[in-house]
Amino acid sequence: MDSTTMVLALALGNLALCATLFFFEHAEGRPAALSPWGWARQVQAAAWLLLAIAAGGVVPEGLALPVAYALLFAGVAWEAGALWERAGKRRWRRAFVPLLVLAIVAFLLCWWIDEVGLRAIAASLILGILYLAAAAALARGWAGASMLQRFLAVAIALLALVVGARGALVLVSPAGWGWMSNELLRQLHGGALYLLALLGGFGWLLLGRERLQDELARLEVVDPLTDVPNRRGFFQALAPWMALARRPGQPTALVVFDLDGFKRINDSYGHPAGDVVLSALVEACKRQLRDSDLLGRVVGVEFAILLPRTSLQDAAMVAERMRAAIEVQRVKTERAMISLTASFGVTDIRADDSTVTLLARADEALRAAKEGGRNRVALAAPPAGVPEE
């Protein structure tokens, strides 16, 4: 593939990707605002198109090429910045903008000194460095990264080295380096740029889809309001402890509780105030729990707490601490300061328990706490034949 064809292919490929992204963001009521990555792709498309026009002789090279390369550097830098923003570094512009200005100035100086030779060397080295910055963003958090993200980080890094190697090798050995002729370097350089365009486009979209799938999977087991396990998530975590209860060993306890008079809060102050109250309730309870304990929202305003390696009496003490912490708390909402109380039912997991019998016994203790005056802790009845303490 000659250089003109390659440049035209890169221009058309980026334009097609930008058009696809444009219509995607306008579908289903999405806002017509492109992300930094989308803008980066548009700038790259404009740069490659300008390079293709210049190569065809439509526009004088002396005018088109400096502008085209400046746009290309800016587009690749912004693409790398978008990846850093995705990795959590939202202040990437503070570092990228000065470096981008420095790179463009350095390229223009090389252009002015030697229009043909240094231009290609500087462009290759600058692009190689910018793509390595993109690879570094993808490599961030390597231990917890997906296989897709790791593959993209390694592939983009290797291709970036190929792009930068052309400039470095030409600078070291203008006549070529052994079997690595300048023509072969040019072909590898063009192929690497083409693959970087494909990997960057498809990689970004696939990473977005992967993140969306992960979020959907998380929402299947996590309550979005309180950010604790929902009913499904809690029961999934409870299952292995139910199995362990059939073996002799340390006991495991379960606490269920709900707010007293929560319907009154919703009716008097509105559902937004109710959401604030539930979030505050969860935070108050978390402060009384260990890292190994598990708090979940099982239904409505009823919550459950799994207390591994905890006896029934110790679980009652934990519940009492939470009850007292909730009682003294005042939750500030837009319309009022709201006082809270909660009732607790406590039981332990027994060898013959199923999930149904365990929750039924805990709910029975919770009802006893409600019927006993609310704002109290009640223990489940002991097994038949075991005297109450």
Protein backbone atom coordinates (compact mmCIF):
# COMPACT_ATOMS: atom_id res chain seq x y z
CA MET A 1 0.00 0.00 0.00
CA ASP A 2 1.46 3.39 -1.01
CA SER A 3 1.48 6.28 1.42
CA THR A 4 -1.33 8.19 -0.31
CA THR A 5 -3.68 5.20 -0.16
CA MET A 6 -2.80 4.54 3.46
CA VAL A 7 -3.47 8.15 4.48
CA LEU A 8 -6.79 8.15 2.62
CA ALA A 9 -7.79 4.87 4.31
CA LEU A 10 -7.00 6.33 7.72
CA ALA A 11 -9.01 9.47 6.93
CA LEU A 12 -12.06 7.56 5.70
CA GLY A 13 -11.87 5.07 8.57
CA ASN A 14 -11.87 7.82 11.20
CA LEU A 15 -14.67 9.67 9.41
CA ALA A 16 -16.81 6.51 9.31
CA LEU A 17 -16.18 5.92 13.01
CA CYS A 18 -17.12 9.51 13.85
CA ALA A 19 -20.34 9.23 11.83
CA THR A 20 -21.27 6.00 13.63
CA LEU A 21 -20.59 7.57 17.01
CA PHE A 22 -22.62 10.66 16.07
CA PHE A 23 -25.76 8.66 15.24
CA PHE A 24 -25.24 6.39 18.27
CA GLU A 25 -25.27 9.38 20.63
CA HIS A 26 -28.41 10.78 19.01
CA ALA A 27 -30.36 7.53 19.41
CA GLU A 28 -32.83 6.88 22.22
CA GLY A 29 -32.72 10.44 23.52
CA ARG A 30 -28.99 10.52 24.20
CA PRO A 31 -27.55 14.06 24.37
CA ALA A 32 -25.81 15.36 21.26
CA ALA A 33 -22.53 15.83 23.09
CA LEU A 34 -19.40 13.95 22.09
CA SER A 35 -16.91 12.73 24.66
CA PRO A 36 -13.26 13.85 24.55
CA TRP A 37 -12.55 10.59 22.76
CA GLY A 38 -15.16 11.39 20.10
CA TRP A 39 -13.71 14.84 19.56
CA ALA A 40 -10.22 13.32 19.35
CA ARG A 41 -11.38 10.98 16.59
CA GLN A 42 -12.92 13.85 14.65
CA VAL A 43 -9.71 15.86 14.86
CA GLN A 44 -7.69 12.84 13.69
CA ALA A 45 -10.09 12.32 10.79
CA ALA A 46 -9.63 15.96 9.74
CA ALA A 47 -5.85 15.60 10.00
CA TRP A 48 -5.68 12.45 7.88
CA LEU A 49 -8.06 13.93 5.32
CA LEU A 50 -5.91 17.05 5.06
CA LEU A 51 -2.82 14.87 4.62
CA ALA A 52 -4.59 12.92 1.86
CA ILE A 53 -5.58 16.15 0.10
CA ALA A 54 -2.02 17.46 0.35
CA ALA A 55 -0.63 14.19 -1.00
CA GLY A 56 -2.97 14.52 -4.00
CA GLY A 57 -1.62 17.97 -4.77
CA VAL A 58 -4.92 19.76 -4.19
CA VAL A 59 -3.47 21.96 -1.43
CA PRO A 60 0.18 23.09 -1.25
CA GLU A 61 2.13 20.84 1.11
CA GLY A 62 3.91 23.76 2.73
CA LEU A 63 0.56 25.04 3.94
CA ALA A 64 -1.38 21.81 4.60
CA LEU A 65 1.18 19.51 6.21
CA PRO A 66 2.13 21.61 9.29
CA VAL A 67 -1.56 22.13 10.07
CA ALA A 68 -2.38 18.47 9.43
CA TYR A 69 0.37 17.18 11.72
CA ALA A 70 -0.56 19.65 14.45
CA LEU A 71 -4.16 18.38 14.27
CA LEU A 72 -2.97 14.77 14.25
CA PHE A 73 -0.83 15.28 17.37
CA ALA A 74 -3.74 17.03 19.09
CA GLY A 75 -6.18 14.24 18.16
CA VAL A 76 -3.92 11.44 19.39
CA ALA A 77 -3.09 13.38 22.57
CA TRP A 78 -6.79 13.91 23.28
CA GLU A 79 -7.49 10.24 22.64
CA ALA A 80 -4.82 9.31 25.18
CA GLY A 81 -6.29 11.90 27.55
CA ALA A 82 -9.75 10.37 27.20
CA LEU A 83 -8.28 7.01 28.22
CA TRP A 84 -6.65 8.64 31.25
CA GLU A 85 -9.99 10.23 32.13
CA ARG A 86 -11.60 6.79 31.87
CA ALA A 87 -8.91 5.53 34.27
CA GLY A 88 -9.91 8.18 36.83
CA LYS A 89 -7.38 10.93 36.06
CA ARG A 90 -9.74 13.80 35.26
CA ARG A 91 -7.03 16.45 35.39
CA TRP A 92 -5.07 15.02 32.48
CA ARG A 93 -5.32 18.31 30.55
CA ARG A 94 -2.89 19.98 32.97
CA ALA A 95 -0.12 17.68 31.77
CA PHE A 96 -1.21 17.03 28.19
CA VAL A 97 -1.77 20.59 26.98
CA PRO A 98 1.80 21.86 27.74
CA LEU A 99 3.31 18.66 26.33
CA LEU A 100 1.16 18.93 23.21
CA VAL A 101 2.21 22.55 22.64
CA LEU A 102 5.85 21.56 23.13
CA ALA A 103 5.50 18.68 20.65
CA ILE A 104 3.91 20.89 17.99
CA VAL A 105 6.59 23.57 18.43
CA ALA A 106 9.34 20.93 18.19
CA PHE A 107 7.81 19.52 15.00
CA LEU A 108 7.54 22.97 13.41
CA LEU A 109 11.18 23.65 14.26
CA CYS A 110 12.17 20.37 12.60
CA TRP A 111 10.03 21.34 9.61
CA TRP A 112 11.78 24.70 9.35
CA ILE A 113 15.28 23.19 9.71
CA ASP A 114 14.80 20.29 7.30
CA GLU A 115 11.49 19.97 5.49
CA VAL A 116 11.94 16.34 4.42
CA GLY A 117 14.17 14.40 6.83
CA LEU A 118 13.57 15.72 10.33
CA ARG A 119 9.86 16.10 9.65
CA ALA A 120 9.33 12.33 9.34
CA ILE A 121 11.60 11.58 12.29
CA ALA A 122 9.89 14.08 14.59
CA ALA A 123 6.39 12.98 13.55
CA SER A 124 7.18 9.31 14.20
CA LEU A 125 8.76 9.95 17.59
CA ILE A 126 5.96 12.26 18.76
CA LEU A 127 3.20 9.87 17.65
CA GLY A 128 5.01 6.94 19.26
CA ILE A 129 5.22 8.79 22.58
CA LEU A 130 1.57 9.84 22.47
CA TYR A 131 0.37 6.32 21.74
CA LEU A 132 2.56 5.01 24.57
CA ALA A 133 0.73 7.45 26.86
CA ALA A 134 -2.55 5.87 25.72
CA ALA A 135 -1.17 2.39 26.43
CA ALA A 136 -0.05 3.52 29.89
CA ALA A 137 -3.61 4.66 30.65
CA LEU A 138 -4.96 1.25 29.68
CA ALA A 139 -2.29 -0.47 31.78
CA ARG A 140 -3.32 1.47 34.89
CA GLY A 141 -4.81 -0.89 37.46
CA TRP A 142 -3.34 -3.91 35.67
CA ALA A 143 -4.11 -6.35 38.47
CA GLY A 144 -7.85 -5.65 38.34
CA ALA A 145 -8.08 -5.04 34.59
CA SER A 146 -10.03 -7.28 32.22
CA MET A 147 -8.31 -9.41 29.60
CA LEU A 148 -9.60 -7.03 26.91
CA GLN A 149 -8.04 -4.03 28.60
CA ARG A 150 -4.74 -5.86 29.09
CA PHE A 151 -4.66 -6.94 25.45
CA LEU A 152 -5.31 -3.40 24.25
CA ALA A 153 -2.60 -2.01 26.54
CA VAL A 154 0.01 -4.48 25.28
CA ALA A 155 -1.01 -4.25 21.60
CA ILE A 156 -1.08 -0.44 21.54
CA ALA A 157 2.27 -0.28 23.36
CA LEU A 158 3.92 -2.61 20.82
CA LEU A 159 2.45 -0.73 17.87
CA ALA A 160 3.50 2.58 19.43
CA LEU A 161 7.04 1.27 19.64
CA VAL A 162 6.89 0.35 15.94
CA VAL A 163 5.69 3.86 15.08
CA GLY A 164 8.39 5.51 17.18
CA ALA A 165 11.08 3.08 16.01
CA ARG A 166 10.91 4.44 12.49
CA GLY A 167 11.99 7.86 13.63
CA ALA A 168 14.59 6.51 16.07
CA LEU A 169 16.20 4.13 13.54
CA VAL A 170 16.25 6.71 10.77
CA LEU A 171 17.87 9.16 13.17
CA VAL A 172 20.53 6.61 14.18
CA SER A 173 21.10 5.10 10.73
CA PRO A 174 19.73 7.15 7.80
CA ALA A 175 20.77 4.49 5.27
CA GLY A 176 18.91 1.71 7.05
CA TRP A 177 19.81 -0.80 9.71
CA GLY A 178 20.96 -4.12 8.32
CA TRP A 179 18.03 -5.95 6.77
CA MET A 180 15.68 -3.24 8.07
CA SER A 181 15.55 -0.90 5.11
CA ASN A 182 13.87 2.48 5.17
CA GLU A 183 11.18 1.18 2.82
CA LEU A 184 10.38 -1.71 5.16
CA LEU A 185 10.31 0.72 8.08
CA ARG A 186 7.86 2.89 6.16
CA GLN A 187 5.59 -0.08 5.46
CA LEU A 188 5.68 -1.20 9.10
CA HIS A 189 5.05 2.37 10.23
CA GLY A 190 1.99 2.68 7.98
CA GLY A 191 0.62 -0.70 9.03
CA ALA A 192 1.10 0.15 12.71
CA LEU A 193 -0.80 3.44 12.32
CA TYR A 194 -3.64 1.65 10.56
CA LEU A 195 -3.85 -1.01 13.30
CA LEU A 196 -3.73 1.69 15.98
CA ALA A 197 -6.72 3.37 14.38
CA LEU A 198 -8.66 0.09 14.36
CA LEU A 199 -7.65 -0.95 17.87
CA GLY A 200 -8.35 2.51 19.26
CA GLY A 201 -11.82 2.66 17.75
CA PHE A 202 -13.05 -0.87 18.37
CA GLY A 203 -11.19 -1.05 21.69
CA TRP A 204 -12.90 2.04 23.07
CA LEU A 205 -16.35 0.86 22.05
CA LEU A 206 -15.76 -2.65 23.41
CA LEU A 207 -14.43 -1.26 26.68
CA GLY A 208 -17.57 0.85 26.97
CA ARG A 209 -19.73 -2.20 26.34
CA GLU A 210 -17.72 -4.20 28.87
CA ARG A 211 -18.15 -1.50 31.51
CA LEU A 212 -21.89 -1.37 30.82
CA GLN A 213 -22.17 -5.15 31.18
CA ASP A 214 -20.23 -5.03 34.45
CA GLU A 215 -22.53 -2.31 35.76
CA LEU A 216 -25.64 -4.28 34.78
CA ALA A 217 -24.23 -7.37 36.50
CA ARG A 218 -23.49 -5.30 39.61
CA LEU A 219 -27.01 -3.86 39.69
CA GLU A 220 -28.41 -7.39 39.69
CA VAL A 221 -26.96 -7.95 43.16
CA VAL A 222 -26.59 -4.40 44.58
CA ASP A 223 -29.29 -1.97 45.70
CA PRO A 224 -28.69 1.27 43.73
CA LEU A 225 -29.92 3.60 46.49
CA THR A 226 -27.97 2.31 49.47
CA ASP A 227 -25.12 0.57 47.58
CA VAL A 228 -25.45 -2.59 49.67
CA PRO A 229 -26.39 -6.07 48.40
CA ASN A 230 -30.03 -6.46 47.39
CA ARG A 231 -32.06 -9.58 48.15
CA ARG A 232 -30.37 -11.67 45.46
CA GLY A 233 -26.89 -10.49 46.39
CA PHE A 234 -27.46 -11.06 50.09
CA PHE A 235 -28.80 -14.59 49.60
CA GLN A 236 -25.87 -15.43 47.33
CA ALA A 237 -23.48 -14.42 50.12
CA LEU A 238 -25.60 -16.24 52.71
CA ALA A 239 -25.58 -19.61 50.89
CA PRO A 240 -22.05 -20.78 51.87
CA TRP A 241 -22.67 -19.84 55.51
CA MET A 242 -25.83 -21.94 55.49
CA ALA A 243 -23.72 -24.90 54.35
CA LEU A 244 -21.09 -24.27 57.05
CA ALA A 245 -23.79 -24.19 59.73
CA ARG A 246 -24.31 -27.92 59.19
CA ARG A 247 -20.77 -28.56 60.43
CA PRO A 248 -19.60 -28.11 64.00
CA GLY A 249 -17.71 -24.89 64.51
CA GLN A 250 -18.14 -21.22 65.29
CA PRO A 251 -21.73 -19.94 65.16
CA THR A 252 -23.07 -17.47 62.61
CA ALA A 253 -25.85 -15.01 63.40
CA LEU A 254 -28.44 -13.16 61.36
CA VAL A 255 -30.06 -9.84 62.25
CA VAL A 256 -33.08 -8.38 60.44
CA PHE A 257 -34.42 -4.89 61.09
CA ASP A 258 -36.52 -2.12 59.61
CA LEU A 259 -37.36 1.47 60.42
CA ASP A 260 -40.31 2.19 62.66
CA GLY A 261 -42.98 4.31 60.98
CA PHE A 262 -41.17 4.72 57.67
CA LYS A 263 -44.48 5.17 55.81
CA ARG A 264 -45.10 8.26 57.92
CA ILE A 265 -41.80 9.74 56.70
CA ASN A 266 -42.69 9.15 53.06
CA ASP A 267 -46.22 10.51 53.50
CA SER A 268 -45.15 13.59 55.46
CA TYR A 269 -41.92 14.60 53.72
CA GLY A 270 -41.97 12.81 50.36
CA HIS A 271 -40.03 9.93 48.82
CA PRO A 272 -36.81 11.95 48.29
CA ALA A 273 -36.65 12.48 52.06
CA GLY A 274 -37.29 8.76 52.52
CA ASP A 275 -34.33 7.96 50.27
CA VAL A 276 -32.10 10.25 52.33
CA VAL A 277 -33.26 8.55 55.52
CA LEU A 278 -32.52 5.06 54.17
CA SER A 279 -29.03 6.09 53.07
CA ALA A 280 -28.34 7.61 56.49
CA LEU A 281 -29.66 4.47 58.18
CA VAL A 282 -27.27 2.26 56.21
CA GLU A 283 -24.29 4.49 57.00
CA ALA A 284 -25.14 4.48 60.72
CA CYS A 285 -25.30 0.67 60.74
CA LYS A 286 -22.07 0.23 58.77
CA ARG A 287 -20.17 2.14 61.43
CA GLN A 288 -21.14 -0.54 63.97
CA LEU A 289 -20.08 -3.51 61.82
CA ARG A 290 -16.85 -5.30 61.06
CA ASP A 291 -15.39 -5.60 57.57
CA SER A 292 -16.40 -9.27 57.52
CA ASP A 293 -20.07 -8.52 58.33
CA LEU A 294 -22.52 -8.15 55.47
CA LEU A 295 -25.43 -5.70 55.38
CA GLY A 296 -28.11 -6.14 52.72
CA ARG A 297 -31.48 -4.69 51.78
CA VAL A 298 -33.77 -7.69 51.44
CA VAL A 299 -37.13 -6.05 50.74
CA GLY A 300 -38.56 -2.53 50.99
CA VAL A 301 -37.23 -1.01 54.22
CA GLU A 302 -36.26 -4.35 55.75
CA PHE A 303 -32.54 -5.01 56.03
CA ALA A 304 -30.55 -8.07 57.04
CA ILE A 305 -27.08 -8.43 58.52
CA LEU A 306 -24.94 -11.56 58.32
CA LEU A 307 -22.55 -11.81 61.27
CA PRO A 308 -19.98 -14.57 60.71
CA ARG A 309 -18.34 -16.17 63.75
CA THR A 310 -20.83 -14.46 66.09
CA SER A 311 -22.98 -16.07 68.77
CA LEU A 312 -26.62 -15.20 69.34
CA GLN A 313 -25.86 -13.11 72.43
CA ASP A 314 -22.99 -11.25 70.73
CA ALA A 315 -25.27 -10.56 67.76
CA ALA A 316 -27.85 -9.13 70.15
CA MET A 317 -25.18 -6.75 71.48
CA VAL A 318 -24.33 -5.65 67.93
CA ALA A 319 -28.01 -5.06 67.20
CA GLU A 320 -28.38 -3.05 70.40
CA ARG A 321 -25.45 -0.83 69.43
CA MET A 322 -27.03 -0.18 66.05
CA ARG A 323 -30.42 0.49 67.62
CA ALA A 324 -28.89 3.08 69.96
CA ALA A 325 -26.90 4.70 67.13
CA ILE A 326 -30.04 5.03 65.00
CA GLU A 327 -32.09 6.40 67.90
CA VAL A 328 -29.73 9.33 68.55
CA GLN A 329 -29.28 10.18 64.88
CA ARG A 330 -31.00 13.17 63.31
CA VAL A 331 -31.24 13.08 59.52
CA LYS A 332 -31.28 16.42 57.75
CA THR A 333 -33.54 16.57 54.69
CA GLU A 334 -34.73 19.51 52.61
CA ARG A 335 -37.93 19.84 54.63
CA ALA A 336 -37.08 18.74 58.17
CA MET A 337 -34.72 17.11 60.65
CA ILE A 338 -36.02 13.57 61.06
CA SER A 339 -35.55 11.32 64.07
CA LEU A 340 -35.34 7.58 63.54
CA THR A 341 -35.90 4.39 65.46
CA ALA A 342 -35.63 0.79 64.30
CA SER A 343 -36.70 -2.64 65.54
CA PHE A 344 -34.42 -5.69 65.36
CA GLY A 345 -34.89 -9.44 65.26
CA VAL A 346 -31.89 -11.67 65.99
CA THR A 347 -31.31 -15.36 65.39
CA ASP A 348 -28.47 -17.75 64.62
CA ILE A 349 -28.08 -20.20 61.74
CA ARG A 350 -28.91 -23.75 62.83
CA ALA A 351 -27.88 -27.05 61.35
CA ASP A 352 -31.36 -27.91 60.05
CA ASP A 353 -32.04 -24.45 58.64
CA SER A 354 -33.00 -23.56 55.11
CA THR A 355 -33.10 -20.00 53.87
CA VAL A 356 -36.87 -20.00 54.31
CA THR A 357 -36.84 -21.20 57.93
CA LEU A 358 -33.96 -18.91 58.86
CA LEU A 359 -35.66 -15.77 57.51
CA ALA A 360 -39.03 -16.83 58.93
CA ARG A 361 -37.52 -17.17 62.42
CA ALA A 362 -35.74 -13.83 62.14
CA ASP A 363 -38.91 -12.14 60.91
CA GLU A 364 -40.83 -13.65 63.80
CA ALA A 365 -38.35 -12.10 66.22
CA LEU A 366 -38.69 -8.78 64.38
CA ARG A 367 -42.49 -8.93 64.75
CA ALA A 368 -42.04 -9.59 68.46
CA ALA A 369 -39.90 -6.45 68.71
CA LYS A 370 -42.58 -4.44 66.88
CA GLU A 371 -45.39 -5.80 69.04
CA GLY A 372 -43.34 -5.18 72.18
CA GLY A 373 -43.29 -1.45 71.59
CA ARG A 374 -40.83 -0.94 68.68
CA ASN A 375 -37.33 0.51 68.99
CA ARG A 376 -36.07 -2.64 70.64
CA VAL A 377 -34.13 -5.87 69.98
CA ALA A 378 -35.82 -9.28 70.22
CA LEU A 379 -34.18 -12.71 70.09
CA ALA A 380 -35.65 -15.66 68.23
CA ALA A 381 -37.01 -18.51 70.29
CA PRO A 382 -34.46 -21.27 71.01
CA PRO A 383 -34.81 -24.74 69.41
CA ALA A 384 -37.33 -27.11 70.96
CA GLY A 385 -35.96 -28.66 74.11
CA VAL A 386 -33.42 -25.89 74.75
CA PRO A 387 -34.32 -23.59 77.66
CA GLU A 388 -34.31 -19.82 77.06
CA GLU A 389 -31.46 -17.91 78.64
